[in-house]
């Protein structure tokens, strides 16, 4: 079996399931807390409370255009924006789980995985990714226009990048993954500071 192909197909399947779920259950207007501030500020390209979230506002402003000028639909489409970010987060979570599972499962003598091993690897990815997708806290942030959905996406991409670097660390040009990680972390600061919590994980993997 082609491991990479199966990994990609199942990962995207999880992402599509999650994204469709979030779009169907997205808030139709605004939640009664910071979401109203973010929606209004993104639509008018203004400044939110400290420390600010400029990248989040710019991306959400793009989603506001899907309302087609109907101001009563702007909040909904920004909520959909969070749903899309959360769905892609599940994609990278699946790939992260399968990458970690491969470290636990031992290859056969010929360097391949048996069917049972593939079931273990992909089964763990499916269970872990979908369980997280439908968890209360993550689902809650996925259906409203708040920074946590996009911040989770940045965090998932960075952690996935760490594992990609680890797999290619001894190869020529592997440093490009470190540059990629630093670039995404820099962008993520324009969303939320949550992504900085990945730095200890980077240090552990490099060590």
Protein backbone atom coordinates (compact mmCIF):
# COMPACT_ATOMS: atom_id res chain seq x y z
CA UNK A 1 0.00 0.00 0.00
CA UNK A 2 1.08 3.56 -0.67
CA UNK A 3 1.47 5.02 2.82
CA UNK A 4 1.68 8.65 1.71
CA UNK A 5 -1.42 8.42 -0.48
CA UNK A 6 -3.52 6.82 2.26
CA UNK A 7 -2.22 9.33 4.80
CA UNK A 8 -3.18 12.25 2.56
CA UNK A 9 -6.63 10.89 1.64
CA UNK A 10 -7.62 10.09 5.23
CA UNK A 11 -6.24 13.40 6.48
CA UNK A 12 -8.28 15.39 3.98
CA UNK A 13 -11.33 13.24 4.73
CA UNK A 14 -11.08 14.21 8.41
CA UNK A 15 -10.65 17.86 7.43
CA UNK A 16 -13.71 17.82 5.15
CA UNK A 17 -15.87 16.11 7.77
CA UNK A 18 -14.84 18.66 10.39
CA UNK A 19 -15.19 21.69 8.11
CA UNK A 20 -18.66 20.71 6.87
CA UNK A 21 -19.77 20.11 10.47
CA UNK A 22 -18.50 23.51 11.58
CA UNK A 23 -20.10 25.30 8.64
CA UNK A 24 -23.47 23.65 9.32
CA UNK A 25 -23.33 24.53 13.01
CA UNK A 26 -21.73 27.98 12.71
CA UNK A 27 -23.27 30.85 14.68
CA UNK A 28 -25.74 32.72 12.48
CA UNK A 29 -24.85 36.07 14.04
CA UNK A 30 -22.43 36.80 16.87
CA UNK A 31 -21.65 35.23 20.21
CA UNK A 32 -22.10 37.43 23.27
CA UNK A 33 -18.46 38.21 24.12
CA UNK A 34 -15.34 39.32 22.19
CA UNK A 35 -16.69 38.00 18.87
CA UNK A 36 -18.73 41.14 18.22
CA UNK A 37 -15.62 43.28 18.68
CA UNK A 38 -13.59 41.10 16.30
CA UNK A 39 -16.33 41.02 13.66
CA UNK A 40 -16.86 44.78 13.68
CA UNK A 41 -13.13 45.50 13.74
CA UNK A 42 -12.37 43.03 10.94
CA UNK A 43 -15.14 44.45 8.76
CA UNK A 44 -13.96 48.04 9.23
CA UNK A 45 -10.24 47.10 9.50
CA UNK A 46 -9.92 48.72 12.91
CA UNK A 47 -7.96 47.85 16.07
CA UNK A 48 -9.09 45.32 18.69
CA UNK A 49 -8.06 45.00 22.34
CA UNK A 50 -4.42 44.39 23.24
CA UNK A 51 -2.19 42.85 22.10
CA UNK A 52 -4.12 43.02 18.82
CA UNK A 53 -4.65 40.49 16.04
CA UNK A 54 -3.84 42.14 12.69
CA UNK A 55 -3.43 38.96 10.62
CA UNK A 56 -6.67 37.52 12.00
CA UNK A 57 -8.55 40.72 11.13
CA UNK A 58 -7.20 40.81 7.57
CA UNK A 59 -8.12 37.18 6.86
CA UNK A 60 -11.56 37.58 8.43
CA UNK A 61 -12.11 40.69 6.33
CA UNK A 62 -11.67 38.47 3.26
CA UNK A 63 -14.41 36.14 4.52
CA UNK A 64 -16.68 39.14 5.15
CA UNK A 65 -16.69 39.76 1.38
CA UNK A 66 -18.54 36.45 0.91
CA UNK A 67 -21.58 38.18 2.39
CA UNK A 68 -21.94 40.02 -0.92
CA UNK A 69 -22.56 43.36 0.76
CA UNK A 70 -25.36 42.03 3.01
CA UNK A 71 -24.30 43.34 6.42
CA UNK A 72 -26.68 40.93 8.14
CA UNK A 73 -24.57 38.01 6.84
CA UNK A 74 -21.10 39.35 7.60
CA UNK A 75 -20.95 37.80 11.08
CA UNK A 76 -22.00 34.40 9.74
CA UNK A 77 -19.33 34.33 7.04
CA UNK A 78 -16.64 35.34 9.51
CA UNK A 79 -17.80 32.48 11.72
CA UNK A 80 -17.43 30.22 8.68
CA UNK A 81 -13.86 31.51 8.39
CA UNK A 82 -13.13 30.12 11.84
CA UNK A 83 -14.74 26.84 10.80
CA UNK A 84 -12.46 26.55 7.78
CA UNK A 85 -9.38 27.24 9.92
CA UNK A 86 -10.49 24.64 12.45
CA UNK A 87 -11.12 22.07 9.72
CA UNK A 88 -7.60 22.52 8.36
CA UNK A 89 -6.31 22.24 11.93
CA UNK A 90 -7.81 18.74 12.07
CA UNK A 91 -5.94 17.89 8.86
CA UNK A 92 -2.56 18.74 10.39
CA UNK A 93 -3.52 17.07 13.66
CA UNK A 94 -4.21 13.84 11.77
CA UNK A 95 -0.83 14.02 10.04
CA UNK A 96 0.88 14.76 13.36
CA UNK A 97 -0.73 11.78 15.08
CA UNK A 98 0.16 9.38 12.26
CA UNK A 99 3.74 10.69 12.25
CA UNK A 100 4.02 10.02 15.98
CA UNK A 101 2.33 6.62 15.63
CA UNK A 102 4.92 5.58 13.04
CA UNK A 103 7.60 6.01 15.69
CA UNK A 104 5.85 3.46 17.89
CA UNK A 105 5.07 0.86 15.21
CA UNK A 106 8.06 -1.20 14.07
CA UNK A 107 8.61 -1.76 10.37
CA UNK A 108 8.92 -5.23 8.88
CA UNK A 109 12.31 -6.67 7.93
CA UNK A 110 11.87 -5.38 4.37
CA UNK A 111 11.23 -1.84 5.66
CA UNK A 112 7.48 -1.81 5.07
CA UNK A 113 4.42 -1.83 7.30
CA UNK A 114 2.01 -4.75 7.53
CA UNK A 115 -1.72 -4.24 7.07
CA UNK A 116 -2.20 -4.53 10.84
CA UNK A 117 0.42 -1.86 11.45
CA UNK A 118 -1.23 0.49 8.95
CA UNK A 119 -4.56 -0.01 10.70
CA UNK A 120 -2.91 0.93 13.99
CA UNK A 121 -1.29 4.04 12.54
CA UNK A 122 -4.25 5.36 10.55
CA UNK A 123 -6.75 4.20 13.16
CA UNK A 124 -4.98 6.24 15.81
CA UNK A 125 -4.97 9.24 13.48
CA UNK A 126 -8.68 8.96 12.71
CA UNK A 127 -9.72 8.44 16.33
CA UNK A 128 -7.47 11.20 17.66
CA UNK A 129 -8.29 13.80 14.99
CA UNK A 130 -12.05 13.25 14.96
CA UNK A 131 -12.27 12.99 18.75
CA UNK A 132 -10.58 16.38 18.97
CA UNK A 133 -12.74 17.78 16.16
CA UNK A 134 -15.91 17.01 18.09
CA UNK A 135 -14.59 17.93 21.53
CA UNK A 136 -16.61 20.63 23.29
CA UNK A 137 -13.99 23.37 23.58
CA UNK A 138 -12.57 23.04 20.06
CA UNK A 139 -15.99 22.80 18.41
CA UNK A 140 -17.12 25.84 20.40
CA UNK A 141 -14.28 28.00 19.09
CA UNK A 142 -14.69 26.63 15.55
CA UNK A 143 -18.16 28.10 15.03
CA UNK A 144 -17.53 31.71 16.06
CA UNK A 145 -15.29 34.53 14.92
CA UNK A 146 -12.63 34.41 17.62
CA UNK A 147 -8.84 34.15 17.39
CA UNK A 148 -8.55 30.68 18.91
CA UNK A 149 -9.55 28.75 15.78
CA UNK A 150 -6.90 30.41 13.62
CA UNK A 151 -4.36 30.25 16.45
CA UNK A 152 -4.97 26.50 16.76
CA UNK A 153 -4.28 26.19 13.04
CA UNK A 154 -0.94 28.01 13.39
CA UNK A 155 -0.01 25.80 16.34
CA UNK A 156 -0.92 22.63 14.45
CA UNK A 157 1.10 23.68 11.39
CA UNK A 158 4.16 24.53 13.51
CA UNK A 159 4.09 21.23 15.40
CA UNK A 160 3.66 19.32 12.13
CA UNK A 161 6.62 21.28 10.76
CA UNK A 162 8.72 20.23 13.74
CA UNK A 163 8.11 16.57 12.95
CA UNK A 164 8.85 17.13 9.25
CA UNK A 165 12.16 18.75 10.17
CA UNK A 166 13.01 15.86 12.49
CA UNK A 167 12.47 13.34 9.70
CA UNK A 168 14.77 15.24 7.34
CA UNK A 169 17.18 16.84 9.83
CA UNK A 170 20.25 15.00 8.50
CA UNK A 171 19.48 15.67 4.85
CA UNK A 172 20.79 18.63 2.79
CA UNK A 173 18.43 21.60 2.87
CA UNK A 174 16.55 20.40 5.96
CA UNK A 175 17.03 23.82 7.53
CA UNK A 176 14.25 25.11 5.29
CA UNK A 177 11.81 23.47 7.71
CA UNK A 178 13.23 25.53 10.57
CA UNK A 179 12.79 28.67 8.48
CA UNK A 180 9.21 27.60 7.72
CA UNK A 181 8.53 27.04 11.44
CA UNK A 182 9.96 30.45 12.35
CA UNK A 183 7.94 32.14 9.58
CA UNK A 184 4.63 30.58 10.68
CA UNK A 185 5.36 31.41 14.32
CA UNK A 186 6.05 35.00 13.32
CA UNK A 187 2.76 35.20 11.44
CA UNK A 188 0.88 33.56 14.32
CA UNK A 189 1.79 36.42 16.64
CA UNK A 190 -0.54 38.49 14.47
CA UNK A 191 -3.33 36.16 15.56
CA UNK A 192 -2.65 35.17 19.18
CA UNK A 193 0.37 34.52 21.40
CA UNK A 194 -0.76 30.94 22.07
CA UNK A 195 1.62 29.66 19.39
CA UNK A 196 4.65 30.57 21.52
CA UNK A 197 3.81 27.57 23.71
CA UNK A 198 5.22 25.34 20.95
CA UNK A 199 8.76 26.65 21.52
CA UNK A 200 9.51 24.15 24.34
CA UNK A 201 8.41 21.32 22.04
CA UNK A 202 10.84 22.55 19.38
CA UNK A 203 13.64 22.60 21.94
CA UNK A 204 12.86 19.04 23.06
CA UNK A 205 12.79 17.67 19.49
CA UNK A 206 16.05 19.42 18.55
CA UNK A 207 17.68 18.13 21.74
